Amino acid sequence: MKIQILGTGCPSCVKLADNAKQAVAEVGIDCEIEKVTDINRITSFGVMMTPALAIDGQVKIVGKVASVEEIKSVIGK
């Protein structure tokens, strides 16, 4: 599994990345977390509002800092 944090590096993007790391640790899965900061790559996902979270290339959360629990529920699907 690959989780991508889409954002330019703003505080909200950093918080989403931290929450994703914590969610992965709590669920106990093996995955890669990648920060995507290039605006052209972000828009290639169809994302116009950051931060966003994608799992295996599919955007799951857009425009908000998802909580650890929200990310865990998305990971489990």
PDB file of N, CA and C in Angstrom:
ATOM      1  N   MET A   1       0.841  -1.174   0.000  1.00  0.00           N
ATOM      2  CA  MET A   1       0.000   0.000   0.000  1.00  0.00           C
ATOM      3  C   MET A   1       0.888   1.240   0.000  1.00  0.00           C
ATOM      4  N   LYS A   2       0.447   2.241  -0.749  1.00  0.00           N
ATOM      5  CA  LYS A   2       1.175   3.508  -0.810  1.00  0.00           C
ATOM      6  C   LYS A   2       0.204   4.642  -0.478  1.00  0.00           C
ATOM      7  N   ILE A   3       0.560   5.431   0.522  1.00  0.00           N
ATOM      8  CA  ILE A   3      -0.226   6.595   0.901  1.00  0.00           C
ATOM      9  C   ILE A   3       0.521   7.829   0.422  1.00  0.00           C
ATOM     10  N   GLN A   4      -0.193   8.694  -0.263  1.00  0.00           N
ATOM     11  CA  GLN A   4       0.402   9.929  -0.752  1.00  0.00           C
ATOM     12  C   GLN A   4      -0.294  11.120  -0.107  1.00  0.00           C
ATOM     13  N   ILE A   5       0.500  12.015   0.450  1.00  0.00           N
ATOM     14  CA  ILE A   5       0.008  13.254   1.025  1.00  0.00           C
ATOM     15  C   ILE A   5       0.233  14.325  -0.041  1.00  0.00           C
ATOM     16  N   LEU A   6      -0.850  14.910  -0.524  1.00  0.00           N
ATOM     17  CA  LEU A   6      -0.774  15.895  -1.582  1.00  0.00           C
ATOM     18  C   LEU A   6      -0.900  17.288  -0.976  1.00  0.00           C
ATOM     19  N   GLY A   7       0.164  18.064  -1.082  1.00  0.00           N
ATOM     20  CA  GLY A   7       0.141  19.414  -0.534  1.00  0.00           C
ATOM     21  C   GLY A   7       1.496  20.072  -0.688  1.00  0.00           C
ATOM     22  N   THR A   8       1.491  21.379  -0.611  1.00  0.00           N
ATOM     23  CA  THR A   8       2.704  22.145  -0.878  1.00  0.00           C
ATOM     24  C   THR A   8       3.631  22.258   0.323  1.00  0.00           C
ATOM     25  N   GLY A   9       3.240  21.725   1.456  1.00  0.00           N
ATOM     26  CA  GLY A   9       4.094  21.776   2.639  1.00  0.00           C
ATOM     27  C   GLY A   9       3.581  22.716   3.714  1.00  0.00           C
ATOM     28  N   CYS A  10       2.348  23.168   3.579  1.00  0.00           N
ATOM     29  CA  CYS A  10       1.748  24.065   4.572  1.00  0.00           C
ATOM     30  C   CYS A  10       1.549  23.312   5.898  1.00  0.00           C
ATOM     31  N   PRO A  11       1.285  24.022   6.984  1.00  0.00           N
ATOM     32  CA  PRO A  11       1.073  23.351   8.275  1.00  0.00           C
ATOM     33  C   PRO A  11      -0.028  22.281   8.238  1.00  0.00           C
ATOM     34  N   SER A  12      -1.089  22.521   7.472  1.00  0.00           N
ATOM     35  CA  SER A  12      -2.162  21.522   7.366  1.00  0.00           C
ATOM     36  C   SER A  12      -1.662  20.256   6.679  1.00  0.00           C
ATOM     37  N   CYS A  13      -0.821  20.419   5.676  1.00  0.00           N
ATOM     38  CA  CYS A  13      -0.261  19.267   4.965  1.00  0.00           C
ATOM     39  C   CYS A  13       0.654  18.467   5.884  1.00  0.00           C
ATOM     40  N   VAL A  14       1.442  19.153   6.670  1.00  0.00           N
ATOM     41  CA  VAL A  14       2.343  18.493   7.620  1.00  0.00           C
ATOM     42  C   VAL A  14       1.535  17.723   8.659  1.00  0.00           C
ATOM     43  N   LYS A  15       0.462  18.321   9.149  1.00  0.00           N
ATOM     44  CA  LYS A  15      -0.393  17.662  10.147  1.00  0.00           C
ATOM     45  C   LYS A  15      -1.050  16.419   9.556  1.00  0.00           C
ATOM     46  N   LEU A  16      -1.522  16.510   8.311  1.00  0.00           N
ATOM     47  CA  LEU A  16      -2.125  15.343   7.663  1.00  0.00           C
ATOM     48  C   LEU A  16      -1.103  14.217   7.529  1.00  0.00           C
ATOM     49  N   ALA A  17       0.129  14.554   7.168  1.00  0.00           N
ATOM     50  CA  ALA A  17       1.187  13.543   7.060  1.00  0.00           C
ATOM     51  C   ALA A  17       1.451  12.899   8.420  1.00  0.00           C
ATOM     52  N   ASP A  18       1.497  13.702   9.472  1.00  0.00           N
ATOM     53  CA  ASP A  18       1.703  13.171  10.822  1.00  0.00           C
ATOM     54  C   ASP A  18       0.561  12.242  11.221  1.00  0.00           C
ATOM     55  N   ASN A  19      -0.670  12.649  10.930  1.00  0.00           N
ATOM     56  CA  ASN A  19      -1.834  11.813  11.258  1.00  0.00           C
ATOM     57  C   ASN A  19      -1.802  10.504  10.473  1.00  0.00           C
ATOM     58  N   ALA A  20      -1.372  10.562   9.217  1.00  0.00           N
ATOM     59  CA  ALA A  20      -1.283   9.349   8.404  1.00  0.00           C
ATOM     60  C   ALA A  20      -0.241   8.388   8.974  1.00  0.00           C
ATOM     61  N   LYS A  21       0.901   8.927   9.386  1.00  0.00           N
ATOM     62  CA  LYS A  21       1.942   8.078   9.989  1.00  0.00           C
ATOM     63  C   LYS A  21       1.429   7.414  11.255  1.00  0.00           C
ATOM     64  N   GLN A  22       0.707   8.172  12.074  1.00  0.00           N
ATOM     65  CA  GLN A  22       0.173   7.613  13.309  1.00  0.00           C
ATOM     66  C   GLN A  22      -0.884   6.548  13.010  1.00  0.00           C
ATOM     67  N   ALA A  23      -1.743   6.796  12.040  1.00  0.00           N
ATOM     68  CA  ALA A  23      -2.786   5.824  11.676  1.00  0.00           C
ATOM     69  C   ALA A  23      -2.164   4.524  11.193  1.00  0.00           C
ATOM     70  N   VAL A  24      -1.133   4.621  10.358  1.00  0.00           N
ATOM     71  CA  VAL A  24      -0.454   3.428   9.848  1.00  0.00           C
ATOM     72  C   VAL A  24       0.173   2.653  11.003  1.00  0.00           C
ATOM     73  N   ALA A  25       0.795   3.367  11.933  1.00  0.00           N
ATOM     74  CA  ALA A  25       1.416   2.710  13.083  1.00  0.00           C
ATOM     75  C   ALA A  25       0.372   2.006  13.944  1.00  0.00           C
ATOM     76  N   GLU A  26      -0.778   2.650  14.157  1.00  0.00           N
ATOM     77  CA  GLU A  26      -1.820   2.056  14.999  1.00  0.00           C
ATOM     78  C   GLU A  26      -2.466   0.850  14.331  1.00  0.00           C
ATOM     79  N   VAL A  27      -2.632   0.895  13.009  1.00  0.00           N
ATOM     80  CA  VAL A  27      -3.231  -0.228  12.290  1.00  0.00           C
ATOM     81  C   VAL A  27      -2.225  -1.363  12.143  1.00  0.00           C
ATOM     82  N   GLY A  28      -0.947  -0.994  12.093  1.00  0.00           N
ATOM     83  CA  GLY A  28       0.103  -2.007  12.016  1.00  0.00           C
ATOM     84  C   GLY A  28       0.298  -2.585  10.630  1.00  0.00           C
ATOM     85  N   ILE A  29       0.097  -1.756   9.615  1.00  0.00           N
ATOM     86  CA  ILE A  29       0.298  -2.239   8.251  1.00  0.00           C
ATOM     87  C   ILE A  29       1.633  -1.730   7.712  1.00  0.00           C
ATOM     88  N   ASP A  30       2.115  -2.422   6.699  1.00  0.00           N
ATOM     89  CA  ASP A  30       3.358  -2.020   6.052  1.00  0.00           C
ATOM     90  C   ASP A  30       2.987  -1.209   4.821  1.00  0.00           C
ATOM     91  N   CYS A  31       3.386   0.052   4.798  1.00  0.00           N
ATOM     92  CA  CYS A  31       3.097   0.869   3.629  1.00  0.00           C
ATOM     93  C   CYS A  31       4.119   1.984   3.509  1.00  0.00           C
ATOM     94  N   GLU A  32       4.136   2.560   2.340  1.00  0.00           N
ATOM     95  CA  GLU A  32       5.022   3.684   2.053  1.00  0.00           C
ATOM     96  C   GLU A  32       4.192   4.959   2.130  1.00  0.00           C
ATOM     97  N   ILE A  33       4.744   5.997   2.766  1.00  0.00           N
ATOM     98  CA  ILE A  33       4.088   7.298   2.799  1.00  0.00           C
ATOM     99  C   ILE A  33       4.951   8.271   2.009  1.00  0.00           C
ATOM    100  N   GLU A  34       4.346   8.863   0.995  1.00  0.00           N
ATOM    101  CA  GLU A  34       5.060   9.789   0.120  1.00  0.00           C
ATOM    102  C   GLU A  34       4.404  11.165   0.209  1.00  0.00           C
ATOM    103  N   LYS A  35       5.227  12.202   0.321  1.00  0.00           N
ATOM    104  CA  LYS A  35       4.720  13.574   0.276  1.00  0.00           C
ATOM    105  C   LYS A  35       4.871  14.085  -1.145  1.00  0.00           C
ATOM    106  N   VAL A  36       3.769  14.499  -1.738  1.00  0.00           N
ATOM    107  CA  VAL A  36       3.772  15.038  -3.088  1.00  0.00           C
ATOM    108  C   VAL A  36       3.589  16.549  -2.972  1.00  0.00           C
ATOM    109  N   THR A  37       4.643  17.306  -3.284  1.00  0.00           N
ATOM    110  CA  THR A  37       4.594  18.759  -3.125  1.00  0.00           C
ATOM    111  C   THR A  37       4.577  19.508  -4.452  1.00  0.00           C
ATOM    112  N   ASP A  38       4.848  18.823  -5.545  1.00  0.00           N
ATOM    113  CA  ASP A  38       4.858  19.463  -6.861  1.00  0.00           C
ATOM    114  C   ASP A  38       3.420  19.733  -7.308  1.00  0.00           C
ATOM    115  N   ILE A  39       3.120  21.004  -7.563  1.00  0.00           N
ATOM    116  CA  ILE A  39       1.745  21.392  -7.884  1.00  0.00           C
ATOM    117  C   ILE A  39       1.234  20.705  -9.153  1.00  0.00           C
ATOM    118  N   ASN A  40       2.110  20.447 -10.114  1.00  0.00           N
ATOM    119  CA  ASN A  40       1.683  19.758 -11.336  1.00  0.00           C
ATOM    120  C   ASN A  40       1.279  18.318 -11.048  1.00  0.00           C
ATOM    121  N   ARG A  41       2.023  17.659 -10.171  1.00  0.00           N
ATOM    122  CA  ARG A  41       1.649  16.281  -9.783  1.00  0.00           C
ATOM    123  C   ARG A  41       0.359  16.281  -8.983  1.00  0.00           C
ATOM    124  N   ILE A  42       0.192  17.278  -8.105  1.00  0.00           N
ATOM    125  CA  ILE A  42      -1.027  17.351  -7.296  1.00  0.00           C
ATOM    126  C   ILE A  42      -2.246  17.514  -8.203  1.00  0.00           C
ATOM    127  N   THR A  43      -2.157  18.436  -9.158  1.00  0.00           N
ATOM    128  CA  THR A  43      -3.301  18.650 -10.051  1.00  0.00           C
ATOM    129  C   THR A  43      -3.527  17.466 -10.983  1.00  0.00           C
ATOM    130  N   SER A  44      -2.495  16.670 -11.244  1.00  0.00           N
ATOM    131  CA  SER A  44      -2.689  15.485 -12.085  1.00  0.00           C
ATOM    132  C   SER A  44      -3.603  14.455 -11.411  1.00  0.00           C
ATOM    133  N   PHE A  45      -3.734  14.556 -10.085  1.00  0.00           N
ATOM    134  CA  PHE A  45      -4.667  13.708  -9.345  1.00  0.00           C
ATOM    135  C   PHE A  45      -6.094  14.254  -9.434  1.00  0.00           C
ATOM    136  N   GLY A  46      -6.253  15.461  -9.992  1.00  0.00           N
ATOM    137  CA  GLY A  46      -7.557  16.104 -10.034  1.00  0.00           C
ATOM    138  C   GLY A  46      -7.849  16.896  -8.771  1.00  0.00           C
ATOM    139  N   VAL A  47      -6.833  17.095  -7.951  1.00  0.00           N
ATOM    140  CA  VAL A  47      -6.989  17.795  -6.673  1.00  0.00           C
ATOM    141  C   VAL A  47      -6.765  19.293  -6.892  1.00  0.00           C
ATOM    142  N   MET A  48      -7.730  20.086  -6.455  1.00  0.00           N
ATOM    143  CA  MET A  48      -7.622  21.537  -6.565  1.00  0.00           C
ATOM    144  C   MET A  48      -7.549  22.200  -5.194  1.00  0.00           C
ATOM    145  N   MET A  49      -7.765  21.420  -4.133  1.00  0.00           N
ATOM    146  CA  MET A  49      -7.711  21.954  -2.772  1.00  0.00           C
ATOM    147  C   MET A  49      -6.883  21.005  -1.916  1.00  0.00           C
ATOM    148  N   THR A  50      -5.893  21.557  -1.232  1.00  0.00           N
ATOM    149  CA  THR A  50      -5.029  20.736  -0.386  1.00  0.00           C
ATOM    150  C   THR A  50      -5.296  21.066   1.078  1.00  0.00           C
ATOM    151  N   PRO A  51      -4.913  20.194   1.986  1.00  0.00           N
ATOM    152  CA  PRO A  51      -4.219  18.929   1.736  1.00  0.00           C
ATOM    153  C   PRO A  51      -5.181  17.858   1.238  1.00  0.00           C
ATOM    154  N   ALA A  52      -4.599  16.836   0.656  1.00  0.00           N
ATOM    155  CA  ALA A  52      -5.372  15.688   0.202  1.00  0.00           C
ATOM    156  C   ALA A  52      -4.579  14.422   0.492  1.00  0.00           C
ATOM    157  N   LEU A  53      -5.295  13.317   0.550  1.00  0.00           N
ATOM    158  CA  LEU A  53      -4.669  12.028   0.830  1.00  0.00           C
ATOM    159  C   LEU A  53      -5.127  11.037  -0.231  1.00  0.00           C
ATOM    160  N   ALA A  54      -4.163  10.348  -0.812  1.00  0.00           N
ATOM    161  CA  ALA A  54      -4.463   9.322  -1.808  1.00  0.00           C
ATOM    162  C   ALA A  54      -3.893   8.000  -1.332  1.00  0.00           C
ATOM    163  N   ILE A  55      -4.600   6.938  -1.657  1.00  0.00           N
ATOM    164  CA  ILE A  55      -4.136   5.588  -1.346  1.00  0.00           C
ATOM    165  C   ILE A  55      -4.024   4.835  -2.663  1.00  0.00           C
ATOM    166  N   ASP A  56      -2.826   4.347  -2.923  1.00  0.00           N
ATOM    167  CA  ASP A  56      -2.534   3.633  -4.173  1.00  0.00           C
ATOM    168  C   ASP A  56      -3.018   4.420  -5.386  1.00  0.00           C
ATOM    169  N   GLY A  57      -2.798   5.738  -5.368  1.00  0.00           N
ATOM    170  CA  GLY A  57      -3.119   6.585  -6.508  1.00  0.00           C
ATOM    171  C   GLY A  57      -4.557   7.072  -6.581  1.00  0.00           C
ATOM    172  N   GLN A  58      -5.412   6.616  -5.652  1.00  0.00           N
ATOM    173  CA  GLN A  58      -6.811   7.026  -5.637  1.00  0.00           C
ATOM    174  C   GLN A  58      -7.037   8.040  -4.517  1.00  0.00           C
ATOM    175  N   VAL A  59      -7.522   9.213  -4.866  1.00  0.00           N
ATOM    176  CA  VAL A  59      -7.749  10.270  -3.883  1.00  0.00           C
ATOM    177  C   VAL A  59      -8.928   9.878  -2.990  1.00  0.00           C
ATOM    178  N   LYS A  60      -8.701   9.934  -1.686  1.00  0.00           N
ATOM    179  CA  LYS A  60      -9.723   9.531  -0.713  1.00  0.00           C
ATOM    180  C   LYS A  60     -10.222  10.702   0.138  1.00  0.00           C
ATOM    181  N   ILE A  61      -9.346  11.662   0.431  1.00  0.00           N
ATOM    182  CA  ILE A  61      -9.697  12.790   1.293  1.00  0.00           C
ATOM    183  C   ILE A  61      -9.134  14.052   0.653  1.00  0.00           C
ATOM    184  N   VAL A  62      -9.961  15.104   0.559  1.00  0.00           N
ATOM    185  CA  VAL A  62      -9.538  16.347  -0.085  1.00  0.00           C
ATOM    186  C   VAL A  62      -9.945  17.547   0.762  1.00  0.00           C
ATOM    187  N   GLY A  63      -9.021  18.501   0.891  1.00  0.00           N
ATOM    188  CA  GLY A  63      -9.338  19.796   1.451  1.00  0.00           C
ATOM    189  C   GLY A  63      -9.497  19.876   2.950  1.00  0.00           C
ATOM    190  N   LYS A  64      -8.996  18.871   3.661  1.00  0.00           N
ATOM    191  CA  LYS A  64      -9.075  18.934   5.119  1.00  0.00           C
ATOM    192  C   LYS A  64      -7.996  18.076   5.744  1.00  0.00           C
ATOM    193  N   VAL A  65      -7.750  18.361   7.012  1.00  0.00           N
ATOM    194  CA  VAL A  65      -6.819  17.545   7.787  1.00  0.00           C
ATOM    195  C   VAL A  65      -7.640  16.438   8.436  1.00  0.00           C
ATOM    196  N   ALA A  66      -7.558  15.262   7.875  1.00  0.00           N
ATOM    197  CA  ALA A  66      -8.300  14.122   8.407  1.00  0.00           C
ATOM    198  C   ALA A  66      -7.688  13.681   9.731  1.00  0.00           C
ATOM    199  N   SER A  67      -8.551  13.266  10.640  1.00  0.00           N
ATOM    200  CA  SER A  67      -8.082  12.757  11.922  1.00  0.00           C
ATOM    201  C   SER A  67      -7.454  11.375  11.738  1.00  0.00           C
ATOM    202  N   VAL A  68      -6.756  10.945  12.755  1.00  0.00           N
ATOM    203  CA  VAL A  68      -6.151   9.598  12.737  1.00  0.00           C
ATOM    204  C   VAL A  68      -7.249   8.560  12.518  1.00  0.00           C
ATOM    205  N   GLU A  69      -8.371   8.719  13.215  1.00  0.00           N
ATOM    206  CA  GLU A  69      -9.470   7.747  13.091  1.00  0.00           C
ATOM    207  C   GLU A  69     -10.059   7.728  11.665  1.00  0.00           C
ATOM    208  N   GLU A  70     -10.204   8.906  11.058  1.00  0.00           N
ATOM    209  CA  GLU A  70     -10.717   8.974   9.687  1.00  0.00           C
ATOM    210  C   GLU A  70      -9.763   8.261   8.728  1.00  0.00           C
ATOM    211  N   ILE A  71      -8.484   8.475   8.907  1.00  0.00           N
ATOM    212  CA  ILE A  71      -7.498   7.834   8.026  1.00  0.00           C
ATOM    213  C   ILE A  71      -7.504   6.326   8.235  1.00  0.00           C
ATOM    214  N   LYS A  72      -7.617   5.889   9.477  1.00  0.00           N
ATOM    215  CA  LYS A  72      -7.673   4.450   9.760  1.00  0.00           C
ATOM    216  C   LYS A  72      -8.886   3.821   9.066  1.00  0.00           C
ATOM    217  N   SER A  73     -10.011   4.510   9.043  1.00  0.00           N
ATOM    218  CA  SER A  73     -11.195   3.941   8.411  1.00  0.00           C
ATOM    219  C   SER A  73     -11.016   3.869   6.888  1.00  0.00           C
ATOM    220  N   VAL A  74     -10.333   4.839   6.309  1.00  0.00           N
ATOM    221  CA  VAL A  74     -10.075   4.824   4.865  1.00  0.00           C
ATOM    222  C   VAL A  74      -9.063   3.734   4.527  1.00  0.00           C
ATOM    223  N   ILE A  75      -8.063   3.550   5.359  1.00  0.00           N
ATOM    224  CA  ILE A  75      -7.048   2.511   5.133  1.00  0.00           C
ATOM    225  C   ILE A  75      -7.703   1.136   5.156  1.00  0.00           C
ATOM    226  N   GLY A  76      -8.663   0.967   6.049  1.00  0.00           N
ATOM    227  CA  GLY A  76      -9.309  -0.350   6.203  1.00  0.00           C
ATOM    228  C   GLY A  76     -10.213  -0.740   5.076  1.00  0.00           C
ATOM    229  N   LYS A  77     -10.569   0.203   4.208  1.00  0.00           N
ATOM    230  CA  LYS A  77     -11.520  -0.102   3.118  1.00  0.00           C
ATOM    231  C   LYS A  77     -10.830  -0.694   1.935  1.00  0.00           C
TER     232      LYS A  77
END
